[in-house]
Amino acid sequence: MNGPYDVVDTGKHLKVEYGETIDVRTNVTSDDGGNPDNFADCHDLTGWEYIDVYIKLSGTNPSWDITPIFGQDDEDLNFHDAETITVQKNEIRRLHICGAPCLYFRCDGSSGTNPVIDSLRIRPVNMVS
């Protein structure tokens, strides 16, 4: 299932390439206190244009705010937030990541009864013409 697959669009012929699925976060039961202390948990997606994000929730009426954050450099540990998404059900989202060398997901703003992020997984994707 790693492709490449052919996609036909009016006037275009694209190939879709997929990378391996990566487990990013599992069994998240409490809000993150902030950004990570270091880049150890970041994922290097150099060479990939997009990621598919697979989010699986459990609990009663769970809701989580999930923010992709991008690390700038190892020395200063600067992180930059992307747009926060609020997730209330199992979802798949495609994010444009522009080959980020350090990507992490901050999970906070939880609500509901016993809200849990069972898994947050990503799969790199490229569209090749």
N, C-alpha and C. Protein backbone atom coordinates (compact mmCIF):
# COMPACT_ATOMS: atom_id res chain seq x y z
N MET A 1 0.80 -1.19 0.00
CA MET A 1 0.00 0.00 0.00
C MET A 1 0.85 1.27 0.00
N ASN A 2 2.12 1.20 -0.32
CA ASN A 2 2.96 2.38 -0.29
C ASN A 2 3.05 3.09 -1.63
N GLY A 3 2.35 2.62 -2.62
CA GLY A 3 2.33 3.32 -3.89
C GLY A 3 3.63 3.15 -4.65
N PRO A 4 3.88 3.94 -5.66
CA PRO A 4 3.03 5.08 -6.04
C PRO A 4 1.73 4.64 -6.71
N TYR A 5 0.71 5.44 -6.54
CA TYR A 5 -0.59 5.23 -7.14
C TYR A 5 -0.84 6.35 -8.15
N ASP A 6 -1.58 6.06 -9.19
CA ASP A 6 -1.90 7.07 -10.19
C ASP A 6 -3.20 7.77 -9.81
N VAL A 7 -3.19 9.08 -9.95
CA VAL A 7 -4.37 9.91 -9.70
C VAL A 7 -4.63 10.70 -10.97
N VAL A 8 -5.85 10.67 -11.45
CA VAL A 8 -6.18 11.40 -12.67
C VAL A 8 -7.06 12.58 -12.30
N ASP A 9 -6.63 13.77 -12.66
CA ASP A 9 -7.38 15.00 -12.45
C ASP A 9 -7.47 15.65 -13.83
N THR A 10 -8.47 16.48 -14.03
CA THR A 10 -8.63 17.11 -15.33
C THR A 10 -7.35 17.83 -15.73
N GLY A 11 -6.74 17.37 -16.80
CA GLY A 11 -5.53 18.01 -17.30
C GLY A 11 -4.26 17.63 -16.57
N LYS A 12 -4.34 16.77 -15.54
CA LYS A 12 -3.16 16.40 -14.78
C LYS A 12 -3.11 14.89 -14.59
N HIS A 13 -1.91 14.41 -14.43
CA HIS A 13 -1.71 13.02 -14.07
C HIS A 13 -0.68 13.01 -12.95
N LEU A 14 -1.10 12.64 -11.76
CA LEU A 14 -0.22 12.66 -10.59
C LEU A 14 0.00 11.26 -10.06
N LYS A 15 1.13 11.08 -9.41
CA LYS A 15 1.39 9.86 -8.66
C LYS A 15 1.40 10.23 -7.19
N VAL A 16 0.82 9.36 -6.38
CA VAL A 16 0.78 9.57 -4.94
C VAL A 16 1.71 8.55 -4.30
N GLU A 17 2.68 9.05 -3.53
CA GLU A 17 3.61 8.17 -2.82
C GLU A 17 3.33 8.28 -1.33
N TYR A 18 3.32 7.13 -0.66
CA TYR A 18 3.09 7.09 0.78
C TYR A 18 4.32 6.55 1.50
N GLY A 19 4.61 7.11 2.65
CA GLY A 19 5.66 6.58 3.51
C GLY A 19 5.05 5.61 4.52
N GLU A 20 5.88 5.15 5.42
CA GLU A 20 5.42 4.24 6.46
C GLU A 20 4.61 5.00 7.51
N THR A 21 3.62 4.34 8.10
CA THR A 21 2.83 4.93 9.16
C THR A 21 3.67 5.00 10.43
N ILE A 22 3.59 6.15 11.12
CA ILE A 22 4.39 6.41 12.32
C ILE A 22 3.46 6.64 13.50
N ASP A 23 3.66 5.90 14.59
CA ASP A 23 2.93 6.16 15.83
C ASP A 23 3.54 7.38 16.50
N VAL A 24 2.75 8.44 16.68
CA VAL A 24 3.26 9.69 17.24
C VAL A 24 2.92 9.81 18.72
N ARG A 25 1.66 9.63 19.07
CA ARG A 25 1.21 9.71 20.46
C ARG A 25 0.23 8.56 20.71
N THR A 26 0.31 7.96 21.88
CA THR A 26 -0.65 6.91 22.26
C THR A 26 -1.07 7.11 23.71
N ASN A 27 -2.31 6.74 23.98
CA ASN A 27 -2.86 6.75 25.32
C ASN A 27 -2.65 8.09 26.04
N VAL A 28 -3.02 9.18 25.37
CA VAL A 28 -2.92 10.51 25.98
C VAL A 28 -4.16 10.73 26.84
N THR A 29 -3.95 10.87 28.15
CA THR A 29 -5.08 10.99 29.07
C THR A 29 -5.13 12.33 29.78
N SER A 30 -4.07 13.13 29.66
CA SER A 30 -4.07 14.45 30.31
C SER A 30 -3.46 15.47 29.37
N ASP A 31 -3.83 16.73 29.59
CA ASP A 31 -3.34 17.82 28.75
C ASP A 31 -1.83 17.98 28.88
N ASP A 32 -1.17 18.28 27.75
CA ASP A 32 0.25 18.59 27.78
C ASP A 32 0.45 19.91 28.51
N GLY A 33 1.56 20.02 29.24
CA GLY A 33 1.86 21.23 29.97
C GLY A 33 2.48 22.31 29.11
N GLY A 34 2.81 21.99 27.89
CA GLY A 34 3.45 22.95 26.98
C GLY A 34 4.18 22.20 25.89
N ASN A 35 5.15 22.86 25.29
CA ASN A 35 5.94 22.23 24.24
C ASN A 35 6.93 21.24 24.86
N PRO A 36 7.45 20.31 24.07
CA PRO A 36 8.43 19.35 24.61
C PRO A 36 9.69 20.07 25.10
N ASP A 37 10.41 19.41 25.99
CA ASP A 37 11.64 19.97 26.54
C ASP A 37 12.80 19.88 25.56
N ASN A 38 12.71 18.96 24.61
CA ASN A 38 13.78 18.80 23.62
C ASN A 38 13.18 18.26 22.33
N PHE A 39 14.00 18.01 21.37
CA PHE A 39 13.52 17.54 20.07
C PHE A 39 13.48 16.01 19.97
N ALA A 40 13.70 15.31 21.08
CA ALA A 40 13.81 13.85 21.04
C ALA A 40 12.54 13.18 20.51
N ASP A 41 11.37 13.76 20.78
CA ASP A 41 10.11 13.15 20.35
C ASP A 41 9.60 13.69 19.01
N CYS A 42 10.39 14.55 18.37
CA CYS A 42 9.98 15.11 17.08
C CYS A 42 10.20 14.10 15.96
N HIS A 43 9.51 14.31 14.87
CA HIS A 43 9.61 13.42 13.72
C HIS A 43 10.15 14.19 12.53
N ASP A 44 11.20 13.65 11.93
CA ASP A 44 11.85 14.27 10.77
C ASP A 44 11.11 13.85 9.51
N LEU A 45 10.48 14.79 8.86
CA LEU A 45 9.70 14.52 7.64
C LEU A 45 10.31 15.21 6.43
N THR A 46 11.63 15.39 6.48
CA THR A 46 12.35 15.98 5.36
C THR A 46 12.05 15.17 4.09
N GLY A 47 11.71 15.88 3.02
CA GLY A 47 11.42 15.23 1.75
C GLY A 47 9.95 14.91 1.53
N TRP A 48 9.11 15.13 2.53
CA TRP A 48 7.68 14.87 2.41
C TRP A 48 6.92 16.19 2.40
N GLU A 49 5.91 16.27 1.55
CA GLU A 49 5.13 17.50 1.39
C GLU A 49 3.90 17.53 2.31
N TYR A 50 3.27 16.38 2.54
CA TYR A 50 2.05 16.29 3.33
C TYR A 50 2.15 15.14 4.32
N ILE A 51 1.24 15.15 5.29
CA ILE A 51 1.04 13.97 6.13
C ILE A 51 -0.46 13.75 6.28
N ASP A 52 -0.85 12.50 6.34
CA ASP A 52 -2.19 12.15 6.76
C ASP A 52 -2.11 11.88 8.25
N VAL A 53 -3.00 12.50 9.02
CA VAL A 53 -3.02 12.36 10.47
C VAL A 53 -4.25 11.52 10.83
N TYR A 54 -4.02 10.41 11.52
CA TYR A 54 -5.07 9.49 11.93
C TYR A 54 -5.25 9.64 13.44
N ILE A 55 -6.44 10.06 13.86
CA ILE A 55 -6.71 10.33 15.27
C ILE A 55 -7.84 9.40 15.74
N LYS A 56 -7.56 8.62 16.80
CA LYS A 56 -8.56 7.73 17.36
C LYS A 56 -8.80 8.13 18.81
N LEU A 57 -10.06 8.44 19.14
CA LEU A 57 -10.45 8.89 20.48
C LEU A 57 -11.33 7.86 21.17
N SER A 58 -11.35 7.96 22.50
CA SER A 58 -12.32 7.19 23.28
C SER A 58 -12.77 8.05 24.45
N GLY A 59 -13.81 7.57 25.16
CA GLY A 59 -14.41 8.33 26.24
C GLY A 59 -15.83 8.72 25.83
N THR A 60 -16.51 9.43 26.72
CA THR A 60 -17.87 9.90 26.44
C THR A 60 -17.79 11.37 26.03
N ASN A 61 -18.24 11.65 24.82
CA ASN A 61 -18.18 13.00 24.24
C ASN A 61 -16.77 13.61 24.33
N PRO A 62 -15.75 12.87 23.87
CA PRO A 62 -14.39 13.40 23.99
C PRO A 62 -14.15 14.57 23.04
N SER A 63 -13.32 15.49 23.49
CA SER A 63 -12.90 16.61 22.66
C SER A 63 -11.47 16.96 23.04
N TRP A 64 -10.62 17.16 22.03
CA TRP A 64 -9.23 17.52 22.25
C TRP A 64 -8.83 18.62 21.28
N ASP A 65 -7.98 19.52 21.74
CA ASP A 65 -7.32 20.48 20.86
C ASP A 65 -5.94 19.91 20.54
N ILE A 66 -5.67 19.74 19.27
CA ILE A 66 -4.39 19.17 18.83
C ILE A 66 -3.70 20.21 17.95
N THR A 67 -2.48 20.56 18.34
CA THR A 67 -1.72 21.59 17.64
C THR A 67 -0.44 21.00 17.07
N PRO A 68 -0.28 20.98 15.74
CA PRO A 68 1.01 20.61 15.18
C PRO A 68 2.02 21.70 15.51
N ILE A 69 3.19 21.31 15.99
CA ILE A 69 4.23 22.29 16.28
C ILE A 69 5.50 21.89 15.55
N PHE A 70 6.18 22.89 15.05
CA PHE A 70 7.38 22.68 14.24
C PHE A 70 8.59 23.21 15.00
N GLY A 71 9.62 22.39 15.13
CA GLY A 71 10.85 22.81 15.77
C GLY A 71 11.74 23.53 14.79
N GLN A 72 12.38 24.59 15.26
CA GLN A 72 13.23 25.40 14.39
C GLN A 72 14.68 24.91 14.40
N ASP A 73 15.27 24.75 15.58
CA ASP A 73 16.65 24.28 15.65
C ASP A 73 16.92 23.64 17.01
N ASP A 74 17.89 22.75 17.04
CA ASP A 74 18.20 22.01 18.26
C ASP A 74 18.79 22.86 19.36
N GLU A 75 19.48 23.93 19.03
CA GLU A 75 20.17 24.72 20.05
C GLU A 75 19.21 25.58 20.88
N ASP A 76 18.30 26.27 20.24
CA ASP A 76 17.41 27.19 20.95
C ASP A 76 16.09 26.56 21.37
N LEU A 77 15.80 25.37 20.85
CA LEU A 77 14.54 24.69 21.12
C LEU A 77 13.35 25.61 20.86
N ASN A 78 13.38 26.31 19.73
CA ASN A 78 12.26 27.17 19.32
C ASN A 78 11.22 26.32 18.61
N PHE A 79 9.98 26.44 19.04
CA PHE A 79 8.87 25.75 18.40
C PHE A 79 7.89 26.79 17.87
N HIS A 80 7.26 26.48 16.75
CA HIS A 80 6.26 27.36 16.15
C HIS A 80 4.97 26.58 15.98
N ASP A 81 3.88 27.15 16.50
CA ASP A 81 2.59 26.49 16.43
C ASP A 81 1.96 26.65 15.06
N ALA A 82 1.35 25.58 14.57
CA ALA A 82 0.48 25.66 13.40
C ALA A 82 -0.95 25.85 13.92
N GLU A 83 -1.91 25.78 13.04
CA GLU A 83 -3.30 25.99 13.44
C GLU A 83 -3.81 24.81 14.28
N THR A 84 -4.39 25.12 15.43
CA THR A 84 -4.97 24.11 16.32
C THR A 84 -6.24 23.56 15.70
N ILE A 85 -6.40 22.25 15.78
CA ILE A 85 -7.64 21.63 15.33
C ILE A 85 -8.33 21.02 16.55
N THR A 86 -9.64 21.18 16.62
CA THR A 86 -10.42 20.55 17.69
C THR A 86 -11.03 19.28 17.13
N VAL A 87 -10.75 18.17 17.81
CA VAL A 87 -11.18 16.86 17.34
C VAL A 87 -12.18 16.30 18.35
N GLN A 88 -13.34 15.84 17.84
CA GLN A 88 -14.38 15.31 18.71
C GLN A 88 -14.82 13.91 18.32
N LYS A 89 -14.17 13.36 17.29
CA LYS A 89 -14.47 12.00 16.85
C LYS A 89 -13.23 11.46 16.13
N ASN A 90 -13.24 10.18 15.82
CA ASN A 90 -12.13 9.62 15.06
C ASN A 90 -12.07 10.32 13.70
N GLU A 91 -10.87 10.73 13.32
CA GLU A 91 -10.72 11.51 12.09
C GLU A 91 -9.44 11.19 11.37
N ILE A 92 -9.45 11.54 10.09
CA ILE A 92 -8.24 11.56 9.27
C ILE A 92 -8.16 12.95 8.67
N ARG A 93 -7.02 13.60 8.86
CA ARG A 93 -6.80 14.94 8.30
C ARG A 93 -5.52 14.92 7.48
N ARG A 94 -5.47 15.71 6.42
CA ARG A 94 -4.23 15.87 5.64
C ARG A 94 -3.68 17.27 5.93
N LEU A 95 -2.41 17.30 6.33
CA LEU A 95 -1.74 18.56 6.64
C LEU A 95 -0.57 18.78 5.70
N HIS A 96 -0.40 20.01 5.29
CA HIS A 96 0.74 20.41 4.46
C HIS A 96 1.89 20.72 5.40
N ILE A 97 3.00 19.99 5.30
CA ILE A 97 4.09 20.15 6.26
C ILE A 97 5.38 20.65 5.64
N CYS A 98 5.47 20.72 4.33
CA CYS A 98 6.63 21.30 3.63
C CYS A 98 7.96 20.69 4.07
N GLY A 99 8.02 19.38 4.27
CA GLY A 99 9.28 18.74 4.59
C GLY A 99 9.86 19.11 5.94
N ALA A 100 9.02 19.28 6.94
CA ALA A 100 9.46 19.72 8.26
C ALA A 100 10.49 18.76 8.86
N PRO A 101 11.63 19.30 9.32
CA PRO A 101 12.64 18.44 9.94
C PRO A 101 12.30 18.06 11.39
N CYS A 102 11.33 18.74 12.00
CA CYS A 102 10.97 18.43 13.38
C CYS A 102 9.49 18.75 13.58
N LEU A 103 8.65 17.71 13.66
CA LEU A 103 7.21 17.89 13.84
C LEU A 103 6.77 17.15 15.09
N TYR A 104 5.95 17.81 15.89
CA TYR A 104 5.41 17.23 17.11
C TYR A 104 3.96 17.68 17.22
N PHE A 105 3.17 17.00 18.03
CA PHE A 105 1.77 17.38 18.24
C PHE A 105 1.53 17.62 19.73
N ARG A 106 1.10 18.84 20.06
CA ARG A 106 0.72 19.16 21.43
C ARG A 106 -0.77 18.87 21.58
N CYS A 107 -1.14 18.15 22.63
CA CYS A 107 -2.53 17.76 22.87
C CYS A 107 -2.98 18.37 24.19
N ASP A 108 -4.00 19.22 24.14
CA ASP A 108 -4.52 19.84 25.35
C ASP A 108 -5.97 20.24 25.12
N GLY A 109 -6.55 20.98 26.05
CA GLY A 109 -7.94 21.42 25.90
C GLY A 109 -8.92 20.27 25.92
N SER A 110 -8.59 19.20 26.65
CA SER A 110 -9.47 18.03 26.66
C SER A 110 -10.75 18.32 27.44
N SER A 111 -11.83 17.71 27.00
CA SER A 111 -13.10 17.80 27.71
C SER A 111 -13.90 16.54 27.41
N GLY A 112 -14.98 16.37 28.15
CA GLY A 112 -15.78 15.16 28.05
C GLY A 112 -15.53 14.30 29.27
N THR A 113 -16.12 13.11 29.28
CA THR A 113 -15.93 12.18 30.38
C THR A 113 -14.85 11.17 29.99
N ASN A 114 -13.77 11.15 30.73
CA ASN A 114 -12.63 10.26 30.47
C ASN A 114 -12.13 10.35 29.03
N PRO A 115 -11.83 11.56 28.53
CA PRO A 115 -11.36 11.67 27.14
C PRO A 115 -9.93 11.11 27.01
N VAL A 116 -9.73 10.30 25.98
CA VAL A 116 -8.42 9.69 25.73
C VAL A 116 -8.13 9.77 24.24
N ILE A 117 -6.91 10.16 23.90
CA ILE A 117 -6.43 9.99 22.53
C ILE A 117 -5.78 8.61 22.52
N ASP A 118 -6.50 7.63 21.99
CA ASP A 118 -5.97 6.26 21.94
C ASP A 118 -4.73 6.21 21.07
N SER A 119 -4.80 6.89 19.93
CA SER A 119 -3.63 6.93 19.06
C SER A 119 -3.70 8.14 18.15
N LEU A 120 -2.52 8.68 17.88
CA LEU A 120 -2.34 9.74 16.90
C LEU A 120 -1.19 9.25 16.03
N ARG A 121 -1.50 8.92 14.79
CA ARG A 121 -0.53 8.36 13.86
C ARG A 121 -0.44 9.25 12.63
N ILE A 122 0.72 9.25 11.99
CA ILE A 122 0.88 10.01 10.76
C ILE A 122 1.43 9.11 9.67
N ARG A 123 1.13 9.50 8.42
CA ARG A 123 1.67 8.80 7.26
C ARG A 123 2.09 9.86 6.25
N PRO A 124 3.40 9.94 5.95
CA PRO A 124 3.87 10.92 4.97
C PRO A 124 3.31 10.66 3.57
N VAL A 125 3.07 11.75 2.83
CA VAL A 125 2.48 11.66 1.49
C VAL A 125 3.17 12.67 0.57
N ASN A 126 3.47 12.24 -0.64
CA ASN A 126 3.95 13.14 -1.69
C ASN A 126 3.07 12.99 -2.91
N MET A 127 2.82 14.10 -3.58
CA MET A 127 2.13 14.11 -4.88
C MET A 127 3.21 14.41 -5.92
N VAL A 128 3.40 13.49 -6.83
CA VAL A 128 4.45 13.64 -7.84
C VAL A 128 3.80 13.71 -9.21
N SER A 129 4.16 14.75 -9.97
CA SER A 129 3.55 14.87 -11.31
C SER A 129 4.40 14.17 -12.34
